[in-house]
Amino acid sequence: ERKATDKIQVLSRELKDLQNSNSSLRESTQEKDATLAMSRATIRDLESKLIECERETADVKQYVQTHQRNQQEAIATKNKKIKILSLKVKQLQTRMQTQISQISILTETNERLEENLREEKLKNKTTAEDAFIKDAAIDTLKTALDEQAAKLQCENSNRKLQAELESSVAELVQQK
């Protein structure tokens, strides 16, 4: 009986451990889903900034061309403005290249995160299936332990009855 009780306690602890592990895996998956969503939002934000930079670059280039045609009399003064605008274009192009690089890096990171998430979901699915199988095994063991406990109680009851019967027979023999 004590062994059966100890076995039940061990199995109960193992069941609780499996349930805690399953809960941790769910939380981990949720955190990774949140990180992936944040990465996607950042990529969308950077893409919109890239579009804005491209518009600004196109606007600056158009302004420079128009300015050169309309202001040929003041070439010296206008050349200074052109140089300044060209510098802005270069800065915008540098910013645009930087943002393109960032988008590329974020895209790669996003792909890695998505792959990690797929792997994690597969692991979680496998772990959940393992937990289900273990739960079924635990239920089977509990049933077997309950049956064994019932048998032990029956055997104890039979021993008591046997002892009472033997003492009654001994009394009857003594009385004769």
Protein backbone atom coordinates (compact mmCIF):
# COMPACT_ATOMS: atom_id res chain seq x y z
CA GLU A 1 0.00 0.00 0.00
CA ARG A 2 2.81 2.40 0.88
CA LYS A 3 4.60 1.65 -2.41
CA ALA A 4 1.39 2.24 -4.31
CA THR A 5 0.80 5.53 -2.47
CA ASP A 6 4.40 6.64 -3.14
CA LYS A 7 4.05 5.68 -6.81
CA ILE A 8 0.82 7.71 -7.05
CA GLN A 9 2.55 10.74 -5.50
CA VAL A 10 5.51 10.46 -7.90
CA LEU A 11 3.17 10.19 -10.87
CA SER A 12 1.15 13.17 -9.61
CA ARG A 13 4.35 15.25 -9.36
CA GLU A 14 5.38 14.20 -12.86
CA LEU A 15 1.93 15.16 -14.17
CA LYS A 16 2.23 18.61 -12.56
CA ASP A 17 5.74 19.04 -14.01
CA LEU A 18 4.46 18.15 -17.49
CA GLN A 19 1.58 20.58 -17.14
CA ASN A 20 3.97 23.37 -16.01
CA SER A 21 6.31 22.60 -18.92
CA ASN A 22 3.41 22.72 -21.38
CA SER A 23 2.32 26.09 -19.98
CA SER A 24 5.88 27.49 -20.30
CA LEU A 25 6.04 26.37 -23.92
CA ARG A 26 2.74 28.14 -24.66
CA GLU A 27 4.06 31.36 -23.08
CA SER A 28 7.30 31.11 -25.07
CA THR A 29 5.34 30.72 -28.31
CA GLN A 30 3.21 33.75 -27.47
CA GLU A 31 6.31 35.85 -26.74
CA LYS A 32 7.87 34.82 -30.05
CA ASP A 33 4.62 35.64 -31.88
CA ALA A 34 4.71 39.13 -30.27
CA THR A 35 8.36 39.63 -31.29
CA LEU A 36 7.56 38.59 -34.85
CA ALA A 37 4.63 41.03 -34.99
CA MET A 38 6.88 43.84 -33.74
CA SER A 39 9.49 43.01 -36.40
CA ARG A 40 6.84 43.09 -39.11
CA ALA A 41 5.59 46.47 -37.87
CA THR A 42 9.16 47.83 -37.89
CA ILE A 43 9.66 46.61 -41.46
CA ARG A 44 6.43 48.30 -42.57
CA ASP A 45 7.53 51.52 -40.86
CA LEU A 46 10.95 51.43 -42.54
CA GLU A 47 9.36 50.70 -45.92
CA SER A 48 7.14 53.77 -45.58
CA LYS A 49 10.19 55.84 -44.58
CA LEU A 50 12.01 54.52 -47.65
CA ILE A 51 9.14 55.60 -49.88
CA GLU A 52 9.19 59.02 -48.22
CA CYS A 53 12.95 59.31 -48.80
CA GLU A 54 12.52 58.35 -52.46
CA ARG A 55 9.89 61.05 -52.85
CA GLU A 56 12.14 63.59 -51.16
CA THR A 57 15.03 62.57 -53.42
CA ALA A 58 12.88 62.91 -56.54
CA ASP A 59 11.62 66.31 -55.35
CA VAL A 60 15.15 67.56 -54.69
CA LYS A 61 16.41 66.36 -58.10
CA GLN A 62 13.49 68.02 -59.86
CA TYR A 63 14.06 71.25 -57.95
CA VAL A 64 17.75 71.30 -58.93
CA GLN A 65 16.98 70.82 -62.63
CA THR A 66 14.29 73.54 -62.69
CA HIS A 67 16.48 75.92 -60.75
CA GLN A 68 19.38 75.51 -63.21
CA ARG A 69 17.18 76.32 -66.25
CA ASN A 70 15.51 79.39 -64.73
CA GLN A 71 18.51 81.05 -63.07
CA GLN A 72 21.41 80.96 -65.58
CA GLU A 73 22.23 84.68 -65.05
CA ALA A 74 23.32 84.11 -61.46
CA ILE A 75 25.36 80.97 -62.13
CA ALA A 76 27.85 81.57 -59.32
CA THR A 77 25.15 82.05 -56.69
CA LYS A 78 23.05 79.27 -58.07
CA ASN A 79 26.02 76.87 -58.18
CA LYS A 80 26.35 77.26 -54.43
CA LYS A 81 22.68 76.37 -54.00
CA ILE A 82 23.09 73.43 -56.37
CA LYS A 83 26.05 72.19 -54.33
CA ILE A 84 23.97 72.44 -51.17
CA LEU A 85 21.05 70.64 -52.78
CA SER A 86 23.37 68.00 -54.22
CA LEU A 87 24.72 67.43 -50.75
CA LYS A 88 21.17 66.98 -49.49
CA VAL A 89 20.52 64.51 -52.30
CA LYS A 90 23.64 62.58 -51.33
CA GLN A 91 22.59 62.64 -47.69
CA LEU A 92 19.13 61.42 -48.65
CA GLN A 93 20.65 58.74 -50.87
CA THR A 94 22.92 57.71 -48.01
CA ARG A 95 19.93 57.62 -45.70
CA MET A 96 18.01 55.67 -48.30
CA GLN A 97 20.86 53.18 -48.70
CA THR A 98 21.11 52.86 -44.93
CA GLN A 99 17.38 52.23 -44.68
CA ILE A 100 17.53 49.74 -47.55
CA SER A 101 20.31 47.94 -45.66
CA GLN A 102 18.22 48.04 -42.49
CA ILE A 103 15.22 46.65 -44.36
CA SER A 104 17.41 43.90 -45.78
CA ILE A 105 18.75 43.06 -42.32
CA LEU A 106 15.26 43.18 -40.81
CA THR A 107 13.93 41.01 -43.61
CA GLU A 108 16.63 38.42 -42.95
CA THR A 109 15.98 38.65 -39.22
CA ASN A 110 12.26 38.31 -39.85
CA GLU A 111 12.84 35.23 -42.01
CA ARG A 112 15.01 33.71 -39.28
CA LEU A 113 12.36 34.53 -36.67
CA GLU A 114 9.65 32.99 -38.82
CA GLU A 115 11.77 29.86 -39.29
CA ASN A 116 12.47 29.74 -35.54
CA LEU A 117 8.77 30.21 -34.87
CA ARG A 118 7.87 27.37 -37.25
CA GLU A 119 10.44 25.13 -35.53
CA GLU A 120 9.17 26.19 -32.09
CA LYS A 121 5.57 25.52 -33.08
CA LEU A 122 6.61 22.10 -34.37
CA LYS A 123 8.43 21.41 -31.10
CA ASN A 124 5.39 22.61 -29.13
CA LYS A 125 3.12 20.38 -31.20
CA THR A 126 5.43 17.41 -30.55
CA THR A 127 5.64 18.30 -26.87
CA ALA A 128 1.86 18.60 -26.66
CA GLU A 129 1.47 15.22 -28.32
CA ASP A 130 4.05 13.75 -25.92
CA ALA A 131 2.18 15.32 -23.00
CA PHE A 132 -1.08 13.80 -24.25
CA ILE A 133 0.57 10.37 -24.52
CA LYS A 134 2.09 10.77 -21.04
CA ASP A 135 -1.27 11.91 -19.65
CA ALA A 136 -2.86 8.77 -21.10
CA ALA A 137 -0.08 6.64 -19.59
CA ILE A 138 -0.55 8.36 -16.22
CA ASP A 139 -4.30 7.71 -16.38
CA THR A 140 -3.58 4.03 -17.15
CA LEU A 141 -1.14 3.86 -14.24
CA LYS A 142 -3.64 5.56 -11.92
CA THR A 143 -6.29 3.01 -12.91
CA ALA A 144 -3.83 0.16 -12.32
CA LEU A 145 -2.85 1.62 -8.96
CA ASP A 146 -6.49 2.02 -7.96
CA GLU A 147 -7.12 -1.61 -8.91
CA GLN A 148 -4.03 -2.72 -6.99
CA ALA A 149 -5.12 -0.70 -3.94
CA ALA A 150 -8.57 -2.31 -4.11
CA LYS A 151 -6.96 -5.77 -4.33
CA LEU A 152 -4.73 -4.97 -1.34
CA GLN A 153 -7.73 -3.84 0.68
CA CYS A 154 -9.60 -6.99 -0.30
CA GLU A 155 -6.61 -9.16 0.67
CA ASN A 156 -6.31 -7.38 4.03
CA SER A 157 -10.02 -7.90 4.63
CA ASN A 158 -9.70 -11.58 3.68
CA ARG A 159 -6.74 -12.02 6.06
CA LYS A 160 -8.73 -10.49 8.91
CA LEU A 161 -11.69 -12.73 8.15
CA GLN A 162 -9.32 -15.74 7.89
CA ALA A 163 -7.80 -14.88 11.28
CA GLU A 164 -11.27 -14.48 12.82
CA LEU A 165 -12.37 -17.78 11.28
CA GLU A 166 -9.27 -19.57 12.60
CA SER A 167 -9.78 -18.13 16.09
CA SER A 168 -13.47 -19.13 15.98
CA VAL A 169 -12.51 -22.65 14.90
CA ALA A 170 -9.91 -22.80 17.69
CA GLU A 171 -12.56 -21.71 20.22
CA LEU A 172 -14.97 -24.32 18.93
CA VAL A 173 -12.26 -27.00 19.15
CA GLN A 174 -11.49 -25.93 22.73
CA GLN A 175 -15.18 -25.93 23.64
CA LYS A 176 -15.58 -29.52 22.41
